[in-house]
């Protein structure tokens, strides 16, 4: 397989305020182009796009292309089952929603210290192997969001897993929270193939501070910032696939342009990405990837990733600058969502955040800026 996978998590929308309103006609065009260029890997999940992604996958991909022409991955997340029976109910619903007949890759999703005991409690690793034995899953693995030590423990206990999906990008490579490098090295130690998620960190590495942008442009004029991020991940030994959550045709065309005939980064180019990371880290306030896991159960319906994005954008300016256009953008969002200051501090968002962000306290900072 070519190394670029289509992440069906940030799909094009008809209504920017409703993640379930997938623009199917545009998605069909993107799927067709992706396959036309020789790429085959598609990645969805039970809860993506407000639970609409798997259904959209059926309409745009499965119903329109021969089953053998594509590779499909989906996932079981610990937040949506509470019994042995629930696992099968979700799996059966996924087969029906996608119409795929079987899944080429199936993942126990978002394993970290808080969720790992639940996957063991409900014997999910053996459950997944049973699906594989029945031909309903071709390859069994898991996605992971925690430290290298726990990953080593899991891979030691479950050598039957065939791949692991990790958050890897040049900004998180040395991050003490994400520990991309450490997790990557553990996977390599176990000789397990790696699928990369968040190579562009939710768009953060597609829109760089001017100094970082100029640094990369000086080496490769005309190449997009996203191309550096995706190529960084794809250049790493033992990486079998890099997922990109493409939301429009322009992103699709850009990604295909440099991945159709992929050329790995040189050592000099990799060093440049680490220089760019230092510049970015000096300016970014909240390392949010915009995955939106935090919003699904928010009782106040707060647009957490959108608010964090506005705040980050303002903090890249002089903090004392005062009013910016993002005050207007914030007010527009509050017509459909709760305000940052409406947070009741229930903490559910922090329990599901793959980045382990202190969301409650950070919302207070956002509220202090925009609600006051």
Protein backbone atom coordinates (compact mmCIF):
# COMPACT_ATOMS: atom_id res chain seq x y z
CA UNK A 1 0.00 0.00 0.00
CA UNK A 2 1.03 3.58 -0.56
CA UNK A 3 1.73 5.22 2.79
CA UNK A 4 -1.03 7.86 2.83
CA UNK A 5 -4.33 6.92 4.48
CA UNK A 6 -7.58 8.90 4.30
CA UNK A 7 -8.64 9.70 7.86
CA UNK A 8 -12.44 9.97 7.86
CA UNK A 9 -12.61 12.03 11.03
CA UNK A 10 -12.67 15.64 9.83
CA UNK A 11 -14.94 15.26 6.80
CA UNK A 12 -16.30 18.13 4.69
CA UNK A 13 -19.53 19.49 6.17
CA UNK A 14 -22.69 21.16 4.90
CA UNK A 15 -23.11 22.90 8.27
CA UNK A 16 -19.93 23.87 10.11
CA UNK A 17 -21.84 23.77 13.41
CA UNK A 18 -23.05 20.18 12.95
CA UNK A 19 -20.38 17.50 12.47
CA UNK A 20 -22.96 14.96 11.29
CA UNK A 21 -23.87 16.96 8.14
CA UNK A 22 -21.27 15.36 5.90
CA UNK A 23 -21.05 16.78 2.38
CA UNK A 24 -21.44 13.43 0.63
CA UNK A 25 -21.08 14.73 -2.90
CA UNK A 26 -17.73 16.35 -2.13
CA UNK A 27 -16.65 13.30 -0.13
CA UNK A 28 -17.43 11.06 -3.11
CA UNK A 29 -15.21 13.19 -5.34
CA UNK A 30 -12.40 13.02 -2.80
CA UNK A 31 -12.74 9.25 -2.40
CA UNK A 32 -12.69 8.76 -6.16
CA UNK A 33 -9.55 10.86 -6.61
CA UNK A 34 -7.82 9.10 -3.73
CA UNK A 35 -8.44 5.69 -5.29
CA UNK A 36 -7.62 6.93 -8.78
CA UNK A 37 -4.14 7.93 -7.59
CA UNK A 38 -3.49 4.45 -6.21
CA UNK A 39 -4.20 5.01 -2.51
CA UNK A 40 -6.42 2.48 -0.77
CA UNK A 41 -6.43 2.93 3.03
CA UNK A 42 -9.49 4.48 4.71
CA UNK A 43 -9.79 4.99 8.48
CA UNK A 44 -13.08 5.62 10.29
CA UNK A 45 -14.49 5.00 13.78
CA UNK A 46 -17.77 4.53 15.63
CA UNK A 47 -18.01 8.11 16.92
CA UNK A 48 -16.31 10.14 14.18
CA UNK A 49 -18.29 13.07 12.80
CA UNK A 50 -20.93 12.76 15.52
CA UNK A 51 -21.38 9.04 14.69
CA UNK A 52 -21.95 9.81 10.97
CA UNK A 53 -18.55 8.83 9.54
CA UNK A 54 -19.15 5.09 9.14
CA UNK A 55 -22.46 5.72 7.39
CA UNK A 56 -20.80 8.29 5.11
CA UNK A 57 -18.08 5.73 4.37
CA UNK A 58 -20.73 3.35 3.08
CA UNK A 59 -22.30 5.98 0.85
CA UNK A 60 -19.09 7.43 -0.55
CA UNK A 61 -16.86 4.36 -0.68
CA UNK A 62 -18.35 0.94 -0.02
CA UNK A 63 -21.49 1.29 -2.15
CA UNK A 64 -19.56 2.74 -5.09
CA UNK A 65 -16.34 0.73 -5.35
CA UNK A 66 -15.46 -2.99 -5.41
CA UNK A 67 -14.68 -4.28 -1.93
CA UNK A 68 -11.26 -5.56 -2.97
CA UNK A 69 -10.24 -2.12 -4.26
CA UNK A 70 -9.90 -0.51 -0.82
CA UNK A 71 -8.71 -1.17 2.73
CA UNK A 72 -11.02 -0.17 5.59
CA UNK A 73 -10.22 0.35 9.26
CA UNK A 74 -12.58 1.12 12.13
CA UNK A 75 -12.47 0.97 15.91
CA UNK A 76 -14.03 0.06 19.25
CA UNK A 77 -13.77 2.84 21.86
CA UNK A 78 -14.01 2.12 25.59
CA UNK A 79 -16.46 4.95 26.13
CA UNK A 80 -19.27 3.16 24.29
CA UNK A 81 -19.46 -0.32 25.79
CA UNK A 82 -20.17 -1.50 29.32
CA UNK A 83 -20.75 -5.21 28.88
CA UNK A 84 -19.53 -8.19 26.87
CA UNK A 85 -22.72 -7.93 24.81
CA UNK A 86 -22.13 -4.27 24.00
CA UNK A 87 -18.91 -5.11 22.15
CA UNK A 88 -20.79 -7.31 19.69
CA UNK A 89 -23.69 -4.91 19.35
CA UNK A 90 -21.31 -2.15 18.30
CA UNK A 91 -19.34 -4.41 15.97
CA UNK A 92 -22.52 -5.64 14.27
CA UNK A 93 -23.79 -2.07 13.95
CA UNK A 94 -20.46 -1.09 12.36
CA UNK A 95 -20.80 -3.86 9.79
CA UNK A 96 -24.30 -2.62 8.99
CA UNK A 97 -23.37 1.08 8.93
CA UNK A 98 -20.40 0.54 6.62
CA UNK A 99 -21.79 -2.37 4.61
CA UNK A 100 -18.21 -3.55 4.32
CA UNK A 101 -18.75 -7.25 5.15
CA UNK A 102 -15.44 -7.31 7.06
CA UNK A 103 -12.78 -4.88 8.27
CA UNK A 104 -9.24 -5.04 6.99
CA UNK A 105 -7.94 -3.38 10.15
CA UNK A 106 -9.78 -3.18 13.47
CA UNK A 107 -8.52 -1.26 16.49
CA UNK A 108 -9.17 -1.14 20.19
CA UNK A 109 -9.27 2.62 20.25
CA UNK A 110 -7.54 5.25 22.35
CA UNK A 111 -5.89 2.97 24.90
CA UNK A 112 -4.36 4.86 27.84
CA UNK A 113 -3.96 4.29 31.56
CA UNK A 114 -7.60 5.08 32.31
CA UNK A 115 -9.16 2.92 29.61
CA UNK A 116 -6.72 0.00 29.44
CA UNK A 117 -8.22 -1.84 32.47
CA UNK A 118 -11.64 -1.77 30.80
CA UNK A 119 -10.31 -3.40 27.64
CA UNK A 120 -8.80 -6.13 29.83
CA UNK A 121 -11.91 -6.43 32.02
CA UNK A 122 -14.04 -7.19 28.99
CA UNK A 123 -11.40 -9.41 27.36
CA UNK A 124 -11.31 -7.22 24.26
CA UNK A 125 -7.97 -8.46 22.95
CA UNK A 126 -9.21 -12.06 22.75
CA UNK A 127 -12.58 -10.82 21.50
CA UNK A 128 -10.79 -9.10 18.62
CA UNK A 129 -8.78 -12.23 17.84
CA UNK A 130 -12.04 -14.19 17.69
CA UNK A 131 -13.37 -11.71 15.10
CA UNK A 132 -10.20 -12.30 13.12
CA UNK A 133 -10.59 -16.10 13.35
CA UNK A 134 -14.10 -15.73 11.94
CA UNK A 135 -12.87 -13.67 8.99
CA UNK A 136 -14.60 -10.50 10.10
CA UNK A 137 -11.29 -8.76 10.79
CA UNK A 138 -8.11 -9.22 8.78
CA UNK A 139 -5.63 -7.43 11.06
CA UNK A 140 -5.96 -6.77 14.81
CA UNK A 141 -4.35 -3.83 16.60
CA UNK A 142 -4.94 -0.80 18.80
CA UNK A 143 -4.46 2.95 18.93
CA UNK A 144 -2.62 4.42 21.87
CA UNK A 145 -2.38 7.71 23.80
CA UNK A 146 -0.09 7.39 26.81
CA UNK A 147 3.51 6.92 27.90
CA UNK A 148 6.14 4.52 26.51
CA UNK A 149 6.22 2.43 29.68
CA UNK A 150 2.56 1.40 29.48
CA UNK A 151 2.89 0.75 25.75
CA UNK A 152 5.80 -1.57 26.45
CA UNK A 153 3.69 -3.39 29.04
CA UNK A 154 0.78 -3.85 26.63
CA UNK A 155 2.91 -5.03 23.72
CA UNK A 156 4.74 -7.46 25.99
CA UNK A 157 1.45 -8.90 27.25
CA UNK A 158 -0.21 -8.93 23.83
CA UNK A 159 2.35 -9.89 21.17
CA UNK A 160 -0.58 -11.14 19.09
CA UNK A 161 -1.39 -7.54 18.13
CA UNK A 162 -0.31 -6.92 14.54
CA UNK A 163 0.05 -3.13 14.54
CA UNK A 164 -0.19 -0.08 16.77
CA UNK A 165 -1.50 3.37 15.89
CA UNK A 166 0.44 6.24 17.48
CA UNK A 167 0.32 10.02 17.47
CA UNK A 168 3.56 11.00 15.78
CA UNK A 169 4.57 14.38 14.42
CA UNK A 170 7.65 16.54 14.64
CA UNK A 171 6.03 18.92 17.15
CA UNK A 172 5.23 16.10 19.59
CA UNK A 173 8.46 14.17 18.98
CA UNK A 174 10.06 15.47 22.18
CA UNK A 175 6.83 16.47 23.95
CA UNK A 176 6.81 15.40 27.62
CA UNK A 177 3.03 14.87 27.36
CA UNK A 178 2.68 13.00 24.07
CA UNK A 179 6.15 11.40 23.97
CA UNK A 180 5.96 10.52 20.30
CA UNK A 181 9.62 9.53 20.09
CA UNK A 182 9.50 7.30 23.15
CA UNK A 183 6.36 5.48 22.01
CA UNK A 184 7.79 5.10 18.51
CA UNK A 185 10.96 3.53 19.92
CA UNK A 186 8.96 1.06 22.03
CA UNK A 187 6.98 -0.05 18.98
CA UNK A 188 10.22 -0.50 17.05
CA UNK A 189 11.69 -2.54 19.93
CA UNK A 190 8.73 -4.91 19.63
CA UNK A 191 9.08 -4.88 15.84
CA UNK A 192 5.41 -3.99 15.42
CA UNK A 193 4.30 -1.94 12.38
CA UNK A 194 3.12 1.60 13.13
CA UNK A 195 0.19 3.56 11.73
CA UNK A 196 0.57 7.27 12.37
CA UNK A 197 -2.32 9.48 13.46
CA UNK A 198 -2.24 13.27 13.86
CA UNK A 199 0.83 13.81 11.66
CA UNK A 200 -0.31 17.42 11.11
CA UNK A 201 -1.57 17.73 14.70
CA UNK A 202 -5.12 18.67 13.79
CA UNK A 203 -3.97 21.31 11.30
CA UNK A 204 -1.46 22.98 13.63
CA UNK A 205 1.42 21.97 11.36
CA UNK A 206 -0.41 23.12 8.24
CA UNK A 207 -0.53 26.74 9.42
CA UNK A 208 2.81 27.72 10.88
CA UNK A 209 4.12 30.90 12.47
CA UNK A 210 5.76 33.06 9.83
CA UNK A 211 9.29 32.35 11.04
CA UNK A 212 8.79 28.59 10.88
CA UNK A 213 7.08 28.83 7.49
CA UNK A 214 9.99 30.83 6.08
CA UNK A 215 12.48 28.32 7.44
CA UNK A 216 10.86 25.43 5.59
CA UNK A 217 10.17 27.46 2.47
CA UNK A 218 13.86 28.36 2.23
CA UNK A 219 14.63 24.65 1.79
CA UNK A 220 11.70 23.71 -0.46
CA UNK A 221 9.96 26.73 -2.02
CA UNK A 222 6.33 26.08 -2.88
CA UNK A 223 5.94 22.96 -0.74
CA UNK A 224 3.12 23.18 1.79
CA UNK A 225 3.72 23.12 5.52
CA UNK A 226 1.55 20.00 5.71
CA UNK A 227 3.86 18.21 3.28
CA UNK A 228 6.74 18.52 5.74
CA UNK A 229 4.64 17.11 8.58
CA UNK A 230 3.30 14.12 6.66
CA UNK A 231 6.65 13.32 5.07
CA UNK A 232 8.32 13.50 8.49
CA UNK A 233 6.05 10.73 9.79
CA UNK A 234 6.17 8.68 6.59
CA UNK A 235 9.98 8.79 6.54
CA UNK A 236 10.35 6.98 9.86
CA UNK A 237 11.39 3.31 9.62
CA UNK A 238 8.66 0.87 10.69
CA UNK A 239 5.85 3.30 9.77
CA UNK A 240 3.47 1.48 7.43
CA UNK A 241 0.78 4.15 7.05
CA UNK A 242 0.25 7.85 7.77
CA UNK A 243 -3.34 9.04 8.22
CA UNK A 244 -4.40 12.49 7.10
CA UNK A 245 -7.81 13.89 7.98
CA UNK A 246 -8.53 15.72 4.75
CA UNK A 247 -11.53 18.08 4.94
CA UNK A 248 -11.64 19.50 1.42
CA UNK A 249 -10.42 18.88 -2.10
CA UNK A 250 -7.50 21.31 -1.79
CA UNK A 251 -6.08 19.36 1.15
CA UNK A 252 -6.59 16.11 -0.75
CA UNK A 253 -4.83 17.39 -3.87
CA UNK A 254 -1.93 18.77 -1.86
CA UNK A 255 -1.40 15.51 0.05
CA UNK A 256 -1.56 13.43 -3.10
CA UNK A 257 0.93 15.69 -4.86
CA UNK A 258 3.81 14.75 -2.56
CA UNK A 259 2.73 11.27 -1.46
CA UNK A 260 1.94 9.79 -4.88
CA UNK A 261 5.69 9.41 -5.47
CA UNK A 262 6.85 9.67 -1.89
CA UNK A 263 10.43 10.81 -1.21
CA UNK A 264 11.60 10.48 2.43
CA UNK A 265 13.10 13.45 4.25
CA UNK A 266 16.86 13.71 4.36
CA UNK A 267 18.59 14.07 7.73
CA UNK A 268 19.07 17.77 6.99
CA UNK A 269 15.36 18.17 6.29
CA UNK A 270 14.40 16.31 9.46
CA UNK A 271 16.64 18.66 11.42
CA UNK A 272 14.78 21.60 9.87
CA UNK A 273 11.46 20.25 11.16
CA UNK A 274 12.89 20.14 14.69
CA UNK A 275 13.99 23.76 14.30
CA UNK A 276 10.47 24.62 13.17
CA UNK A 277 9.08 22.78 16.22
CA UNK A 278 11.10 24.99 18.56
CA UNK A 279 9.65 28.08 16.90
CA UNK A 280 6.09 26.74 17.09
CA UNK A 281 6.40 25.63 20.70
CA UNK A 282 7.54 29.10 21.67
CA UNK A 283 4.26 30.51 20.36
CA UNK A 284 1.54 27.91 20.89
CA UNK A 285 -0.60 28.32 24.01
CA UNK A 286 -2.82 25.20 23.92
CA UNK A 287 -1.58 22.03 22.14
CA UNK A 288 -5.08 20.94 21.06
CA UNK A 289 -5.46 18.81 17.91
CA UNK A 290 -9.16 19.52 17.39
CA UNK A 291 -10.19 15.85 17.60
CA UNK A 292 -13.45 16.88 19.35
CA UNK A 293 -13.58 13.83 21.63
CA UNK A 294 -14.18 16.33 24.44
CA UNK A 295 -17.35 17.78 22.94
CA UNK A 296 -19.46 14.63 22.53
CA UNK A 297 -20.45 14.43 26.19
CA UNK A 298 -20.16 18.07 27.17
CA UNK A 299 -23.36 18.92 29.12
CA UNK A 300 -23.02 22.61 28.21
CA UNK A 301 -22.36 21.95 24.50
CA UNK A 302 -19.17 24.05 24.55
CA UNK A 303 -17.18 24.26 21.31
CA UNK A 304 -13.92 23.49 23.09
CA UNK A 305 -11.59 22.89 20.09
CA UNK A 306 -12.90 25.93 18.22
CA UNK A 307 -12.42 28.18 21.25
CA UNK A 308 -8.91 26.84 21.81
CA UNK A 309 -8.09 27.52 18.16
CA UNK A 310 -9.22 31.13 18.46
CA UNK A 311 -7.23 31.56 21.66
CA UNK A 312 -4.08 30.08 20.11
CA UNK A 313 -4.39 32.39 17.16
CA UNK A 314 -4.67 35.42 19.42
CA UNK A 315 -1.80 34.31 21.65
CA UNK A 316 0.50 34.14 18.62
CA UNK A 317 -0.05 37.88 18.49
CA UNK A 318 1.07 40.21 21.24
CA UNK A 319 -1.02 39.16 24.25
CA UNK A 320 -1.71 42.77 25.17
CA UNK A 321 -2.94 43.57 21.66
CA UNK A 322 -6.53 43.84 22.87
CA UNK A 323 -9.44 43.34 20.52
CA UNK A 324 -9.02 41.04 17.52
CA UNK A 325 -11.43 39.64 14.94
CA UNK A 326 -11.56 36.49 17.04
CA UNK A 327 -13.79 38.27 19.56
CA UNK A 328 -16.36 38.49 16.77
CA UNK A 329 -15.67 34.89 15.74
CA UNK A 330 -16.15 33.78 19.34
CA UNK A 331 -19.49 35.58 19.63
CA UNK A 332 -20.64 33.96 16.40
CA UNK A 333 -19.83 30.51 17.77
CA UNK A 334 -21.74 31.20 20.99
CA UNK A 335 -24.96 31.52 18.95
CA UNK A 336 -24.83 27.73 18.54
CA UNK A 337 -22.62 26.59 21.43
CA UNK A 338 -22.17 27.25 25.13
CA UNK A 339 -19.69 29.91 26.15
CA UNK A 340 -16.30 28.97 27.61
CA UNK A 341 -17.50 30.42 30.92
CA UNK A 342 -20.50 28.06 30.98
CA UNK A 343 -18.22 25.15 31.92
CA UNK A 344 -19.56 23.31 35.00
CA UNK A 345 -16.21 21.58 35.61
CA UNK A 346 -17.65 18.07 35.33
CA UNK A 347 -14.32 16.87 33.94
CA UNK A 348 -15.66 14.43 31.33
CA UNK A 349 -13.69 16.27 28.64
CA UNK A 350 -10.39 15.73 30.43
CA UNK A 351 -11.18 12.03 30.84
CA UNK A 352 -11.33 11.48 27.08
CA UNK A 353 -8.73 14.01 25.85
CA UNK A 354 -5.95 12.13 23.99
CA UNK A 355 -3.60 15.05 24.66
CA UNK A 356 -4.30 14.97 28.44
CA UNK A 357 -4.95 18.71 28.43
CA UNK A 358 -6.15 20.59 31.54
CA UNK A 359 -9.30 21.61 29.65
CA UNK A 360 -11.28 22.97 32.60
CA UNK A 361 -8.57 25.40 33.67
CA UNK A 362 -7.81 26.35 30.07
CA UNK A 363 -11.45 27.19 29.41
CA UNK A 364 -11.20 29.65 32.28
CA UNK A 365 -8.39 31.42 30.42
CA UNK A 366 -10.45 31.47 27.24
CA UNK A 367 -13.43 32.82 29.15
CA UNK A 368 -11.29 35.47 30.80
CA UNK A 369 -10.26 36.72 27.37
CA UNK A 370 -13.51 36.51 25.43
CA UNK A 371 -16.37 36.52 27.96
CA UNK A 372 -15.06 39.46 29.97
